[in-house]
Full PDB file with SEQRES, HELIX, SHEET, SSBOND, CRYST1, ORIGX, SCALE, CONECT and MASTER records, all heavy atoms in Angstrom:
SEQRES   1 A   41  VAL LEU ILE VAL ASP ASP ASN ASP PHE LEU ARG ASP SER          
SEQRES   2 A   41  PHE GLN SER LEU LEU GLU ARG LEU SER ASN PHE ASN PHE          
SEQRES   3 A   41  GLU ILE ARG GLN ALA ALA SER GLY GLU ALA ALA VAL GLU          
SEQRES   4 A   41  MET ALA                                                      
HELIX    1 AA1 ASP A    8  GLU A   19  1                                  12    
HELIX    2 AA2 GLY A   34  MET A   40  1                                   7    
SHEET    1 AA1 2 LEU A   2  VAL A   4  0                                        
SHEET    2 AA1 2 ARG A  29  ALA A  31  1                                        
CRYST1    1.000    1.000    1.000  90.00  90.00  90.00 P 1           1          
ORIGX1      1.000000  0.000000  0.000000        0.00000                         
ORIGX2      0.000000  1.000000  0.000000        0.00000                         
ORIGX3      0.000000  0.000000  1.000000        0.00000                         
SCALE1      1.000000  0.000000  0.000000        0.00000                         
SCALE2      0.000000  1.000000  0.000000        0.00000                         
SCALE3      0.000000  0.000000  1.000000        0.00000                         
ATOM      1  N   VAL A   1      -6.659   2.383  -4.967  1.00  0.00           N  
ATOM      2  CA  VAL A   1      -6.071   1.305  -5.759  1.00  0.00           C  
ATOM      3  C   VAL A   1      -6.178  -0.016  -5.002  1.00  0.00           C  
ATOM      4  O   VAL A   1      -5.954  -0.065  -3.790  1.00  0.00           O  
ATOM      5  CB  VAL A   1      -4.583   1.607  -6.060  1.00  0.00           C  
ATOM      6  CG1 VAL A   1      -3.912   0.438  -6.749  1.00  0.00           C  
ATOM      7  CG2 VAL A   1      -4.452   2.869  -6.898  1.00  0.00           C  
ATOM      8  N   LEU A   2      -6.488  -1.076  -5.749  1.00  0.00           N  
ATOM      9  CA  LEU A   2      -6.484  -2.431  -5.201  1.00  0.00           C  
ATOM     10  C   LEU A   2      -5.480  -3.256  -5.991  1.00  0.00           C  
ATOM     11  O   LEU A   2      -5.536  -3.303  -7.219  1.00  0.00           O  
ATOM     12  CB  LEU A   2      -7.880  -3.062  -5.303  1.00  0.00           C  
ATOM     13  CG  LEU A   2      -8.006  -4.501  -4.812  1.00  0.00           C  
ATOM     14  CD1 LEU A   2      -7.673  -4.620  -3.323  1.00  0.00           C  
ATOM     15  CD2 LEU A   2      -9.414  -5.035  -5.084  1.00  0.00           C  
ATOM     16  N   ILE A   3      -4.547  -3.880  -5.276  1.00  0.00           N  
ATOM     17  CA  ILE A   3      -3.555  -4.765  -5.878  1.00  0.00           C  
ATOM     18  C   ILE A   3      -3.970  -6.198  -5.554  1.00  0.00           C  
ATOM     19  O   ILE A   3      -4.139  -6.548  -4.383  1.00  0.00           O  
ATOM     20  CB  ILE A   3      -2.146  -4.493  -5.307  1.00  0.00           C  
ATOM     21  CG1 ILE A   3      -1.723  -3.050  -5.583  1.00  0.00           C  
ATOM     22  CG2 ILE A   3      -1.138  -5.491  -5.878  1.00  0.00           C  
ATOM     23  CD1 ILE A   3      -0.490  -2.619  -4.810  1.00  0.00           C  
ATOM     24  N   VAL A   4      -4.141  -7.016  -6.603  1.00  0.00           N  
ATOM     25  CA  VAL A   4      -4.617  -8.387  -6.422  1.00  0.00           C  
ATOM     26  C   VAL A   4      -3.564  -9.360  -6.940  1.00  0.00           C  
ATOM     27  O   VAL A   4      -3.245  -9.379  -8.125  1.00  0.00           O  
ATOM     28  CB  VAL A   4      -5.949  -8.617  -7.183  1.00  0.00           C  
ATOM     29  CG1 VAL A   4      -6.523  -9.987  -6.847  1.00  0.00           C  
ATOM     30  CG2 VAL A   4      -6.943  -7.506  -6.898  1.00  0.00           C  
ATOM     31  N   ASP A   5      -3.024 -10.164  -6.033  1.00  0.00           N  
ATOM     32  CA  ASP A   5      -2.032 -11.169  -6.401  1.00  0.00           C  
ATOM     33  C   ASP A   5      -1.960 -12.169  -5.253  1.00  0.00           C  
ATOM     34  O   ASP A   5      -2.087 -11.766  -4.092  1.00  0.00           O  
ATOM     35  CB  ASP A   5      -0.655 -10.509  -6.626  1.00  0.00           C  
ATOM     36  CG  ASP A   5       0.291 -11.387  -7.415  1.00  0.00           C  
ATOM     37  OD1 ASP A   5       0.579 -12.530  -6.968  1.00  0.00           O  
ATOM     38  OD2 ASP A   5       0.770 -10.948  -8.472  1.00  0.00           O  
ATOM     39  N   ASP A   6      -1.753 -13.426  -5.570  1.00  0.00           N  
ATOM     40  CA  ASP A   6      -1.680 -14.432  -4.515  1.00  0.00           C  
ATOM     41  C   ASP A   6      -0.297 -14.479  -3.862  1.00  0.00           C  
ATOM     42  O   ASP A   6      -0.095 -15.176  -2.878  1.00  0.00           O  
ATOM     43  CB  ASP A   6      -2.087 -15.819  -5.035  1.00  0.00           C  
ATOM     44  CG  ASP A   6      -1.245 -16.304  -6.195  1.00  0.00           C  
ATOM     45  OD1 ASP A   6      -0.601 -15.476  -6.872  1.00  0.00           O  
ATOM     46  OD2 ASP A   6      -1.238 -17.523  -6.450  1.00  0.00           O  
ATOM     47  N   ASN A   7       0.658 -13.717  -4.372  1.00  0.00           N  
ATOM     48  CA  ASN A   7       2.009 -13.686  -3.833  1.00  0.00           C  
ATOM     49  C   ASN A   7       2.191 -12.441  -2.963  1.00  0.00           C  
ATOM     50  O   ASN A   7       2.160 -11.314  -3.467  1.00  0.00           O  
ATOM     51  CB  ASN A   7       3.002 -13.703  -5.004  1.00  0.00           C  
ATOM     52  CG  ASN A   7       4.436 -13.761  -4.549  1.00  0.00           C  
ATOM     53  OD1 ASN A   7       4.886 -12.940  -3.749  1.00  0.00           O  
ATOM     54  ND2 ASN A   7       5.168 -14.725  -5.082  1.00  0.00           N  
ATOM     55  N   ASP A   8       2.371 -12.639  -1.663  1.00  0.00           N  
ATOM     56  CA  ASP A   8       2.527 -11.521  -0.716  1.00  0.00           C  
ATOM     57  C   ASP A   8       3.675 -10.592  -1.101  1.00  0.00           C  
ATOM     58  O   ASP A   8       3.542  -9.375  -1.055  1.00  0.00           O  
ATOM     59  CB  ASP A   8       2.804 -12.036   0.709  1.00  0.00           C  
ATOM     60  CG  ASP A   8       1.658 -12.836   1.287  1.00  0.00           C  
ATOM     61  OD1 ASP A   8       0.545 -12.789   0.727  1.00  0.00           O  
ATOM     62  OD2 ASP A   8       1.873 -13.502   2.314  1.00  0.00           O  
ATOM     63  N   PHE A   9       4.803 -11.179  -1.459  1.00  0.00           N  
ATOM     64  CA  PHE A   9       5.980 -10.381  -1.809  1.00  0.00           C  
ATOM     65  C   PHE A   9       5.688  -9.483  -3.009  1.00  0.00           C  
ATOM     66  O   PHE A   9       6.052  -8.299  -3.014  1.00  0.00           O  
ATOM     67  CB  PHE A   9       7.177 -11.299  -2.105  1.00  0.00           C  
ATOM     68  CG  PHE A   9       8.386 -10.547  -2.579  1.00  0.00           C  
ATOM     69  CD1 PHE A   9       9.182  -9.843  -1.687  1.00  0.00           C  
ATOM     70  CD2 PHE A   9       8.723 -10.542  -3.922  1.00  0.00           C  
ATOM     71  CE1 PHE A   9      10.295  -9.135  -2.121  1.00  0.00           C  
ATOM     72  CE2 PHE A   9       9.831  -9.841  -4.368  1.00  0.00           C  
ATOM     73  CZ  PHE A   9      10.621  -9.133  -3.470  1.00  0.00           C  
ATOM     74  N   LEU A  10       5.040 -10.033  -4.039  1.00  0.00           N  
ATOM     75  CA  LEU A  10       4.740  -9.244  -5.234  1.00  0.00           C  
ATOM     76  C   LEU A  10       3.747  -8.125  -4.925  1.00  0.00           C  
ATOM     77  O   LEU A  10       3.895  -7.005  -5.426  1.00  0.00           O  
ATOM     78  CB  LEU A  10       4.235 -10.143  -6.366  1.00  0.00           C  
ATOM     79  CG  LEU A  10       5.292 -11.082  -6.946  1.00  0.00           C  
ATOM     80  CD1 LEU A  10       4.674 -12.014  -7.977  1.00  0.00           C  
ATOM     81  CD2 LEU A  10       6.440 -10.293  -7.550  1.00  0.00           C  
ATOM     82  N   ARG A  11       2.746  -8.412  -4.106  1.00  0.00           N  
ATOM     83  CA  ARG A  11       1.796  -7.352  -3.717  1.00  0.00           C  
ATOM     84  C   ARG A  11       2.514  -6.227  -2.985  1.00  0.00           C  
ATOM     85  O   ARG A  11       2.321  -5.052  -3.287  1.00  0.00           O  
ATOM     86  CB  ARG A  11       0.674  -7.908  -2.823  1.00  0.00           C  
ATOM     87  CG  ARG A  11      -0.400  -8.655  -3.549  1.00  0.00           C  
ATOM     88  CD  ARG A  11      -1.645  -8.878  -2.686  1.00  0.00           C  
ATOM     89  NE  ARG A  11      -1.396  -9.199  -1.294  1.00  0.00           N  
ATOM     90  CZ  ARG A  11      -1.189 -10.422  -0.815  1.00  0.00           C  
ATOM     91  NH1 ARG A  11      -1.207 -11.471  -1.616  1.00  0.00           N  
ATOM     92  NH2 ARG A  11      -0.993 -10.621   0.486  1.00  0.00           N  
ATOM     93  N   ASP A  12       3.356  -6.585  -2.020  1.00  0.00           N  
ATOM     94  CA  ASP A  12       4.080  -5.575  -1.250  1.00  0.00           C  
ATOM     95  C   ASP A  12       5.058  -4.791  -2.128  1.00  0.00           C  
ATOM     96  O   ASP A  12       5.194  -3.567  -1.982  1.00  0.00           O  
ATOM     97  CB  ASP A  12       4.831  -6.220  -0.084  1.00  0.00           C  
ATOM     98  CG  ASP A  12       3.892  -6.744   0.994  1.00  0.00           C  
ATOM     99  OD1 ASP A  12       2.707  -6.332   1.027  1.00  0.00           O  
ATOM    100  OD2 ASP A  12       4.342  -7.578   1.806  1.00  0.00           O  
ATOM    101  N   SER A  13       5.732  -5.478  -3.050  1.00  0.00           N  
ATOM    102  CA  SER A  13       6.663  -4.812  -3.958  1.00  0.00           C  
ATOM    103  C   SER A  13       5.927  -3.834  -4.868  1.00  0.00           C  
ATOM    104  O   SER A  13       6.387  -2.711  -5.105  1.00  0.00           O  
ATOM    105  CB  SER A  13       7.406  -5.841  -4.816  1.00  0.00           C  
ATOM    106  OG  SER A  13       8.169  -6.686  -4.001  1.00  0.00           O  
ATOM    107  N   PHE A  14       4.781  -4.258  -5.378  1.00  0.00           N  
ATOM    108  CA  PHE A  14       3.966  -3.402  -6.236  1.00  0.00           C  
ATOM    109  C   PHE A  14       3.501  -2.173  -5.450  1.00  0.00           C  
ATOM    110  O   PHE A  14       3.556  -1.045  -5.935  1.00  0.00           O  
ATOM    111  CB  PHE A  14       2.791  -4.199  -6.787  1.00  0.00           C  
ATOM    112  CG  PHE A  14       2.054  -3.552  -7.920  1.00  0.00           C  
ATOM    113  CD1 PHE A  14       1.021  -4.227  -8.542  1.00  0.00           C  
ATOM    114  CD2 PHE A  14       2.354  -2.282  -8.372  1.00  0.00           C  
ATOM    115  CE1 PHE A  14       0.317  -3.656  -9.586  1.00  0.00           C  
ATOM    116  CE2 PHE A  14       1.660  -1.703  -9.426  1.00  0.00           C  
ATOM    117  CZ  PHE A  14       0.638  -2.393 -10.027  1.00  0.00           C  
ATOM    118  N   GLN A  15       3.085  -2.380  -4.217  1.00  0.00           N  
ATOM    119  CA  GLN A  15       2.650  -1.260  -3.382  1.00  0.00           C  
ATOM    120  C   GLN A  15       3.804  -0.277  -3.172  1.00  0.00           C  
ATOM    121  O   GLN A  15       3.613   0.931  -3.284  1.00  0.00           O  
ATOM    122  CB  GLN A  15       2.097  -1.748  -2.041  1.00  0.00           C  
ATOM    123  CG  GLN A  15       1.626  -0.585  -1.178  1.00  0.00           C  
ATOM    124  CD  GLN A  15       0.733  -1.004  -0.029  1.00  0.00           C  
ATOM    125  OE1 GLN A  15       0.156  -2.091  -0.037  1.00  0.00           O  
ATOM    126  NE2 GLN A  15       0.602  -0.133   0.939  1.00  0.00           N  
ATOM    127  N   SER A  16       4.992  -0.778  -2.890  1.00  0.00           N  
ATOM    128  CA  SER A  16       6.164   0.090  -2.712  1.00  0.00           C  
ATOM    129  C   SER A  16       6.456   0.881  -3.977  1.00  0.00           C  
ATOM    130  O   SER A  16       6.792   2.069  -3.912  1.00  0.00           O  
ATOM    131  CB  SER A  16       7.397  -0.741  -2.352  1.00  0.00           C  
ATOM    132  OG  SER A  16       7.241  -1.318  -1.099  1.00  0.00           O  
ATOM    133  N   LEU A  17       6.313   0.244  -5.118  1.00  0.00           N  
ATOM    134  CA  LEU A  17       6.530   0.918  -6.402  1.00  0.00           C  
ATOM    135  C   LEU A  17       5.528   2.064  -6.566  1.00  0.00           C  
ATOM    136  O   LEU A  17       5.909   3.186  -6.935  1.00  0.00           O  
ATOM    137  CB  LEU A  17       6.360  -0.113  -7.525  1.00  0.00           C  
ATOM    138  CG  LEU A  17       7.083   0.109  -8.834  1.00  0.00           C  
ATOM    139  CD1 LEU A  17       8.577   0.227  -8.628  1.00  0.00           C  
ATOM    140  CD2 LEU A  17       6.776  -1.062  -9.765  1.00  0.00           C  
ATOM    141  N   LEU A  18       4.268   1.803  -6.279  1.00  0.00           N  
ATOM    142  CA  LEU A  18       3.246   2.846  -6.387  1.00  0.00           C  
ATOM    143  C   LEU A  18       3.528   4.002  -5.425  1.00  0.00           C  
ATOM    144  O   LEU A  18       3.367   5.169  -5.784  1.00  0.00           O  
ATOM    145  CB  LEU A  18       1.856   2.272  -6.103  1.00  0.00           C  
ATOM    146  CG  LEU A  18       1.230   1.395  -7.179  1.00  0.00           C  
ATOM    147  CD1 LEU A  18      -0.079   0.794  -6.672  1.00  0.00           C  
ATOM    148  CD2 LEU A  18       0.991   2.167  -8.456  1.00  0.00           C  
ATOM    149  N   GLU A  19       3.949   3.669  -4.224  1.00  0.00           N  
ATOM    150  CA  GLU A  19       4.205   4.703  -3.212  1.00  0.00           C  
ATOM    151  C   GLU A  19       5.374   5.605  -3.588  1.00  0.00           C  
ATOM    152  O   GLU A  19       5.472   6.725  -3.107  1.00  0.00           O  
ATOM    153  CB  GLU A  19       4.429   4.052  -1.844  1.00  0.00           C  
ATOM    154  CG  GLU A  19       3.137   3.485  -1.278  1.00  0.00           C  
ATOM    155  CD  GLU A  19       3.329   2.581  -0.074  1.00  0.00           C  
ATOM    156  OE1 GLU A  19       4.483   2.149   0.207  1.00  0.00           O  
ATOM    157  OE2 GLU A  19       2.315   2.293   0.588  1.00  0.00           O  
ATOM    158  N   ARG A  20       6.240   5.123  -4.489  1.00  0.00           N  
ATOM    159  CA  ARG A  20       7.371   5.949  -4.945  1.00  0.00           C  
ATOM    160  C   ARG A  20       6.988   6.926  -6.044  1.00  0.00           C  
ATOM    161  O   ARG A  20       7.790   7.769  -6.413  1.00  0.00           O  
ATOM    162  CB  ARG A  20       8.509   5.060  -5.431  1.00  0.00           C  
ATOM    163  CG  ARG A  20       9.307   4.490  -4.274  1.00  0.00           C  
ATOM    164  CD  ARG A  20      10.513   3.788  -4.776  1.00  0.00           C  
ATOM    165  NE  ARG A  20      10.059   2.628  -5.534  1.00  0.00           N  
ATOM    166  CZ  ARG A  20      10.614   1.431  -5.472  1.00  0.00           C  
ATOM    167  NH1 ARG A  20      11.658   1.231  -4.733  1.00  0.00           N  
ATOM    168  NH2 ARG A  20      10.134   0.431  -6.167  1.00  0.00           N  
ATOM    169  N   LEU A  21       5.789   6.808  -6.577  1.00  0.00           N  
ATOM    170  CA  LEU A  21       5.339   7.743  -7.625  1.00  0.00           C  
ATOM    171  C   LEU A  21       4.916   9.043  -6.955  1.00  0.00           C  
ATOM    172  O   LEU A  21       3.767   9.215  -6.562  1.00  0.00           O  
ATOM    173  CB  LEU A  21       4.176   7.137  -8.420  1.00  0.00           C  
ATOM    174  CG  LEU A  21       4.531   5.993  -9.353  1.00  0.00           C  
ATOM    175  CD1 LEU A  21       3.269   5.354  -9.912  1.00  0.00           C  
ATOM    176  CD2 LEU A  21       5.410   6.493 -10.485  1.00  0.00           C  
ATOM    177  N   SER A  22       5.835   9.967  -6.852  1.00  0.00           N  
ATOM    178  CA  SER A  22       5.604  11.187  -6.071  1.00  0.00           C  
ATOM    179  C   SER A  22       4.549  12.118  -6.671  1.00  0.00           C  
ATOM    180  O   SER A  22       3.992  12.942  -5.967  1.00  0.00           O  
ATOM    181  CB  SER A  22       6.918  11.941  -5.892  1.00  0.00           C  
ATOM    182  OG  SER A  22       7.459  12.273  -7.150  1.00  0.00           O  
ATOM    183  N   ASN A  23       4.266  11.981  -7.958  1.00  0.00           N  
ATOM    184  CA  ASN A  23       3.252  12.861  -8.559  1.00  0.00           C  
ATOM    185  C   ASN A  23       1.833  12.310  -8.419  1.00  0.00           C  
ATOM    186  O   ASN A  23       0.889  12.908  -8.922  1.00  0.00           O  
ATOM    187  CB  ASN A  23       3.583  13.154 -10.026  1.00  0.00           C  
ATOM    188  CG  ASN A  23       3.728  11.890 -10.848  1.00  0.00           C  
ATOM    189  OD1 ASN A  23       4.143  10.864 -10.340  1.00  0.00           O  
ATOM    190  ND2 ASN A  23       3.403  11.975 -12.113  1.00  0.00           N  
ATOM    191  N   PHE A  24       1.675  11.196  -7.718  1.00  0.00           N  
ATOM    192  CA  PHE A  24       0.356  10.624  -7.468  1.00  0.00           C  
ATOM    193  C   PHE A  24       0.155  10.445  -5.970  1.00  0.00           C  
ATOM    194  O   PHE A  24       1.098  10.218  -5.223  1.00  0.00           O  
ATOM    195  CB  PHE A  24       0.195   9.249  -8.138  1.00  0.00           C  
ATOM    196  CG  PHE A  24       0.050   9.302  -9.624  1.00  0.00           C  
ATOM    197  CD1 PHE A  24       1.159   9.132 -10.442  1.00  0.00           C  
ATOM    198  CD2 PHE A  24      -1.181   9.523 -10.213  1.00  0.00           C  
ATOM    199  CE1 PHE A  24       1.031   9.172 -11.825  1.00  0.00           C  
ATOM    200  CE2 PHE A  24      -1.319   9.573 -11.589  1.00  0.00           C  
ATOM    201  CZ  PHE A  24      -0.205   9.395 -12.397  1.00  0.00           C  
ATOM    202  N   ASN A  25      -1.096  10.520  -5.568  1.00  0.00           N  
ATOM    203  CA  ASN A  25      -1.472  10.265  -4.188  1.00  0.00           C  
ATOM    204  C   ASN A  25      -2.375   9.034  -4.200  1.00  0.00           C  
ATOM    205  O   ASN A  25      -3.461   9.081  -4.774  1.00  0.00           O  
ATOM    206  CB  ASN A  25      -2.204  11.497  -3.628  1.00  0.00           C  
ATOM    207  CG  ASN A  25      -2.638  11.312  -2.196  1.00  0.00           C  
ATOM    208  OD1 ASN A  25      -2.228  10.380  -1.516  1.00  0.00           O  
ATOM    209  ND2 ASN A  25      -3.484  12.214  -1.743  1.00  0.00           N  
ATOM    210  N   PHE A  26      -1.907   7.937  -3.633  1.00  0.00           N  
ATOM    211  CA  PHE A  26      -2.654   6.685  -3.654  1.00  0.00           C  
ATOM    212  C   PHE A  26      -3.125   6.286  -2.264  1.00  0.00           C  
ATOM    213  O   PHE A  26      -2.437   6.505  -1.277  1.00  0.00           O  
ATOM    214  CB  PHE A  26      -1.785   5.537  -4.180  1.00  0.00           C  
ATOM    215  CG  PHE A  26      -1.389   5.651  -5.615  1.00  0.00           C  
ATOM    216  CD1 PHE A  26      -0.063   5.864  -5.959  1.00  0.00           C  
ATOM    217  CD2 PHE A  26      -2.320   5.531  -6.622  1.00  0.00           C  
ATOM    218  CE1 PHE A  26       0.324   5.955  -7.286  1.00  0.00           C  
ATOM    219  CE2 PHE A  26      -1.959   5.624  -7.958  1.00  0.00           C  
ATOM    220  CZ  PHE A  26      -0.620   5.838  -8.284  1.00  0.00           C  
ATOM    221  N   GLU A  27      -4.283   5.667  -2.236  1.00  0.00           N  
ATOM    222  CA  GLU A  27      -4.763   4.941  -1.063  1.00  0.00           C  
ATOM    223  C   GLU A  27      -4.819   3.493  -1.533  1.00  0.00           C  
ATOM    224  O   GLU A  27      -5.621   3.155  -2.402  1.00  0.00           O  
ATOM    225  CB  GLU A  27      -6.149   5.457  -0.682  1.00  0.00           C  
ATOM    226  CG  GLU A  27      -6.741   4.822   0.542  1.00  0.00           C  
ATOM    227  CD  GLU A  27      -8.118   5.395   0.823  1.00  0.00           C  
ATOM    228  OE1 GLU A  27      -8.249   6.625   0.937  1.00  0.00           O  
ATOM    229  OE2 GLU A  27      -9.073   4.584   0.894  1.00  0.00           O  
ATOM    230  N   ILE A  28      -3.944   2.647  -0.992  1.00  0.00           N  
ATOM    231  CA  ILE A  28      -3.739   1.302  -1.539  1.00  0.00           C  
ATOM    232  C   ILE A  28      -4.246   0.222  -0.594  1.00  0.00           C  
ATOM    233  O   ILE A  28      -3.982   0.244   0.593  1.00  0.00           O  
ATOM    234  CB  ILE A  28      -2.239   1.068  -1.825  1.00  0.00           C  
ATOM    235  CG1 ILE A  28      -1.716   2.154  -2.779  1.00  0.00           C  
ATOM    236  CG2 ILE A  28      -2.012  -0.321  -2.411  1.00  0.00           C  
ATOM    237  CD1 ILE A  28      -0.205   2.193  -2.910  1.00  0.00           C  
ATOM    238  N   ARG A  29      -4.980  -0.722  -1.183  1.00  0.00           N  
ATOM    239  CA  ARG A  29      -5.432  -1.913  -0.455  1.00  0.00           C  
ATOM    240  C   ARG A  29      -4.918  -3.128  -1.237  1.00  0.00           C  
ATOM    241  O   ARG A  29      -4.571  -3.023  -2.407  1.00  0.00           O  
ATOM    242  CB  ARG A  29      -6.966  -1.960  -0.384  1.00  0.00           C  
ATOM    243  CG  ARG A  29      -7.633  -0.716   0.173  1.00  0.00           C  
ATOM    244  CD  ARG A  29      -8.012  -0.745   1.639  1.00  0.00           C  
ATOM    245  NE  ARG A  29      -8.614  -1.928   2.151  1.00  0.00           N  
ATOM    246  CZ  ARG A  29      -9.930  -2.158   2.259  1.00  0.00           C  
ATOM    247  NH1 ARG A  29     -10.809  -1.252   1.856  1.00  0.00           N  
ATOM    248  NH2 ARG A  29     -10.378  -3.273   2.791  1.00  0.00           N  
ATOM    249  N   GLN A  30      -4.934  -4.276  -0.588  1.00  0.00           N  
ATOM    250  CA  GLN A  30      -4.457  -5.504  -1.222  1.00  0.00           C  
ATOM    251  C   GLN A  30      -5.460  -6.634  -1.043  1.00  0.00           C  
ATOM    252  O   GLN A  30      -6.173  -6.676  -0.043  1.00  0.00           O  
ATOM    253  CB  GLN A  30      -3.123  -5.939  -0.604  1.00  0.00           C  
ATOM    254  CG  GLN A  30      -1.976  -5.002  -0.826  1.00  0.00           C  
ATOM    255  CD  GLN A  30      -0.673  -5.580  -0.281  1.00  0.00           C  
ATOM    256  OE1 GLN A  30      -0.579  -6.761   0.059  1.00  0.00           O  
ATOM    257  NE2 GLN A  30       0.349  -4.739  -0.209  1.00  0.00           N  
ATOM    258  N   ALA A  31      -5.474  -7.535  -2.040  1.00  0.00           N  
ATOM    259  CA  ALA A  31      -6.277  -8.761  -1.967  1.00  0.00           C  
ATOM    260  C   ALA A  31      -5.403  -9.916  -2.446  1.00  0.00           C  
ATOM    261  O   ALA A  31      -4.633  -9.763  -3.394  1.00  0.00           O  
ATOM    262  CB  ALA A  31      -7.526  -8.645  -2.838  1.00  0.00           C  
ATOM    263  N   ALA A  32      -5.540 -11.075  -1.784  1.00  0.00           N  
ATOM    264  CA  ALA A  32      -4.703 -12.234  -2.103  1.00  0.00           C  
ATOM    265  C   ALA A  32      -5.376 -13.225  -3.054  1.00  0.00           C  
ATOM    266  O   ALA A  32      -4.785 -14.249  -3.378  1.00  0.00           O  
ATOM    267  CB  ALA A  32      -4.299 -12.945  -0.814  1.00  0.00           C  
ATOM    268  N   SER A  33      -6.596 -12.925  -3.504  1.00  0.00           N  
ATOM    269  CA  SER A  33      -7.290 -13.833  -4.423  1.00  0.00           C  
ATOM    270  C   SER A  33      -8.314 -13.053  -5.248  1.00  0.00           C  
ATOM    271  O   SER A  33      -8.710 -11.946  -4.875  1.00  0.00           O  
ATOM    272  CB  SER A  33      -8.017 -14.935  -3.645  1.00  0.00           C  
ATOM    273  OG  SER A  33      -9.120 -14.395  -2.941  1.00  0.00           O  
ATOM    274  N   GLY A  34      -8.725 -13.680  -6.341  1.00  0.00           N  
ATOM    275  CA  GLY A  34      -9.772 -13.077  -7.159  1.00  0.00           C  
ATOM    276  C   GLY A  34     -11.072 -12.932  -6.393  1.00  0.00           C  
ATOM    277  O   GLY A  34     -11.766 -11.930  -6.491  1.00  0.00           O  
ATOM    278  N   GLU A  35     -11.384 -13.947  -5.584  1.00  0.00           N  
ATOM    279  CA  GLU A  35     -12.616 -13.904  -4.791  1.00  0.00           C  
ATOM    280  C   GLU A  35     -12.582 -12.748  -3.793  1.00  0.00           C  
ATOM    281  O   GLU A  35     -13.575 -12.025  -3.633  1.00  0.00           O  
ATOM    282  CB  GLU A  35     -12.818 -15.227  -4.035  1.00  0.00           C  
ATOM    283  CG  GLU A  35     -13.135 -16.406  -4.925  1.00  0.00           C  
ATOM    284  CD  GLU A  35     -11.906 -17.106  -5.511  1.00  0.00           C  
ATOM    285  OE1 GLU A  35     -10.775 -16.600  -5.357  1.00  0.00           O  
ATOM    286  OE2 GLU A  35     -12.083 -18.151  -6.141  1.00  0.00           O  
ATOM    287  N   ALA A  36     -11.440 -12.551  -3.136  1.00  0.00           N  
ATOM    288  CA  ALA A  36     -11.303 -11.447  -2.178  1.00  0.00           C  
ATOM    289  C   ALA A  36     -11.423 -10.108  -2.899  1.00  0.00           C  
ATOM    290  O   ALA A  36     -12.031  -9.165  -2.384  1.00  0.00           O  
ATOM    291  CB  ALA A  36      -9.968 -11.544  -1.439  1.00  0.00           C  
ATOM    292  N   ALA A  37     -10.871 -10.017  -4.100  1.00  0.00           N  
ATOM    293  CA  ALA A  37     -10.949  -8.778  -4.881  1.00  0.00           C  
ATOM    294  C   ALA A  37     -12.397  -8.439  -5.227  1.00  0.00           C  
ATOM    295  O   ALA A  37     -12.818  -7.283  -5.116  1.00  0.00           O  
ATOM    296  CB  ALA A  37     -10.125  -8.906  -6.160  1.00  0.00           C  
ATOM    297  N   VAL A  38     -13.155  -9.436  -5.641  1.00  0.00           N  
ATOM    298  CA  VAL A  38     -14.566  -9.215  -5.981  1.00  0.00           C  
ATOM    299  C   VAL A  38     -15.322  -8.716  -4.750  1.00  0.00           C  
ATOM    300  O   VAL A  38     -16.103  -7.759  -4.829  1.00  0.00           O  
ATOM    301  CB  VAL A  38     -15.217 -10.503  -6.563  1.00  0.00           C  
ATOM    302  CG1 VAL A  38     -16.716 -10.328  -6.732  1.00  0.00           C  
ATOM    303  CG2 VAL A  38     -14.557 -10.878  -7.889  1.00  0.00           C  
ATOM    304  N   GLU A  39     -15.083  -9.351  -3.616  1.00  0.00           N  
ATOM    305  CA  GLU A  39     -15.758  -8.948  -2.378  1.00  0.00           C  
ATOM    306  C   GLU A  39     -15.364  -7.525  -1.972  1.00  0.00           C  
ATOM    307  O   GLU A  39     -16.210  -6.728  -1.569  1.00  0.00           O  
ATOM    308  CB  GLU A  39     -15.430  -9.947  -1.261  1.00  0.00           C  
ATOM    309  CG  GLU A  39     -16.292  -9.794  -0.035  1.00  0.00           C  
ATOM    310  CD  GLU A  39     -17.786  -9.853  -0.306  1.00  0.00           C  
ATOM    311  OE1 GLU A  39     -18.239 -10.597  -1.196  1.00  0.00           O  
ATOM    312  OE2 GLU A  39     -18.527  -9.116   0.394  1.00  0.00           O  
ATOM    313  N   MET A  40     -14.087  -7.201  -2.095  1.00  0.00           N  
ATOM    314  CA  MET A  40     -13.630  -5.848  -1.750  1.00  0.00           C  
ATOM    315  C   MET A  40     -14.212  -4.809  -2.707  1.00  0.00           C  
ATOM    316  O   MET A  40     -14.583  -3.716  -2.295  1.00  0.00           O  
ATOM    317  CB  MET A  40     -12.103  -5.783  -1.739  1.00  0.00           C  
ATOM    318  CG  MET A  40     -11.508  -6.534  -0.559  1.00  0.00           C  
ATOM    319  SD  MET A  40      -9.705  -6.588  -0.589  1.00  0.00           S  
ATOM    320  CE  MET A  40      -9.336  -4.936  -0.005  1.00  0.00           C  
ATOM    321  N   ALA A  41     -14.307  -5.157  -3.989  1.00  0.00           N  
ATOM    322  CA  ALA A  41     -14.888  -4.236  -4.980  1.00  0.00           C  
ATOM    323  C   ALA A  41     -16.376  -4.021  -4.714  1.00  0.00           C  
ATOM    324  O   ALA A  41     -16.903  -2.933  -4.942  1.00  0.00           O  
ATOM    325  CB  ALA A  41     -14.665  -4.776  -6.392  1.00  0.00           C  
TER     326      ALA A  41                                                      
MASTER        0    0    0    2    2    0    0    6  325    1    0    4          
END                                                                             
C-alpha cells in the first residue's frame, strides 16, 4: 500500500488505521506529493 498526502499527520494517522485492520497484512509506504507517488509507483 502507498499512502499519498502532503500532510504528515494525516499520512501517519491513515497508516495507523490500516495497521489496526487485523484481518489484513499490509506493507505500507508513504509519499508526500503526487510527483513522489508517481516515482515510487
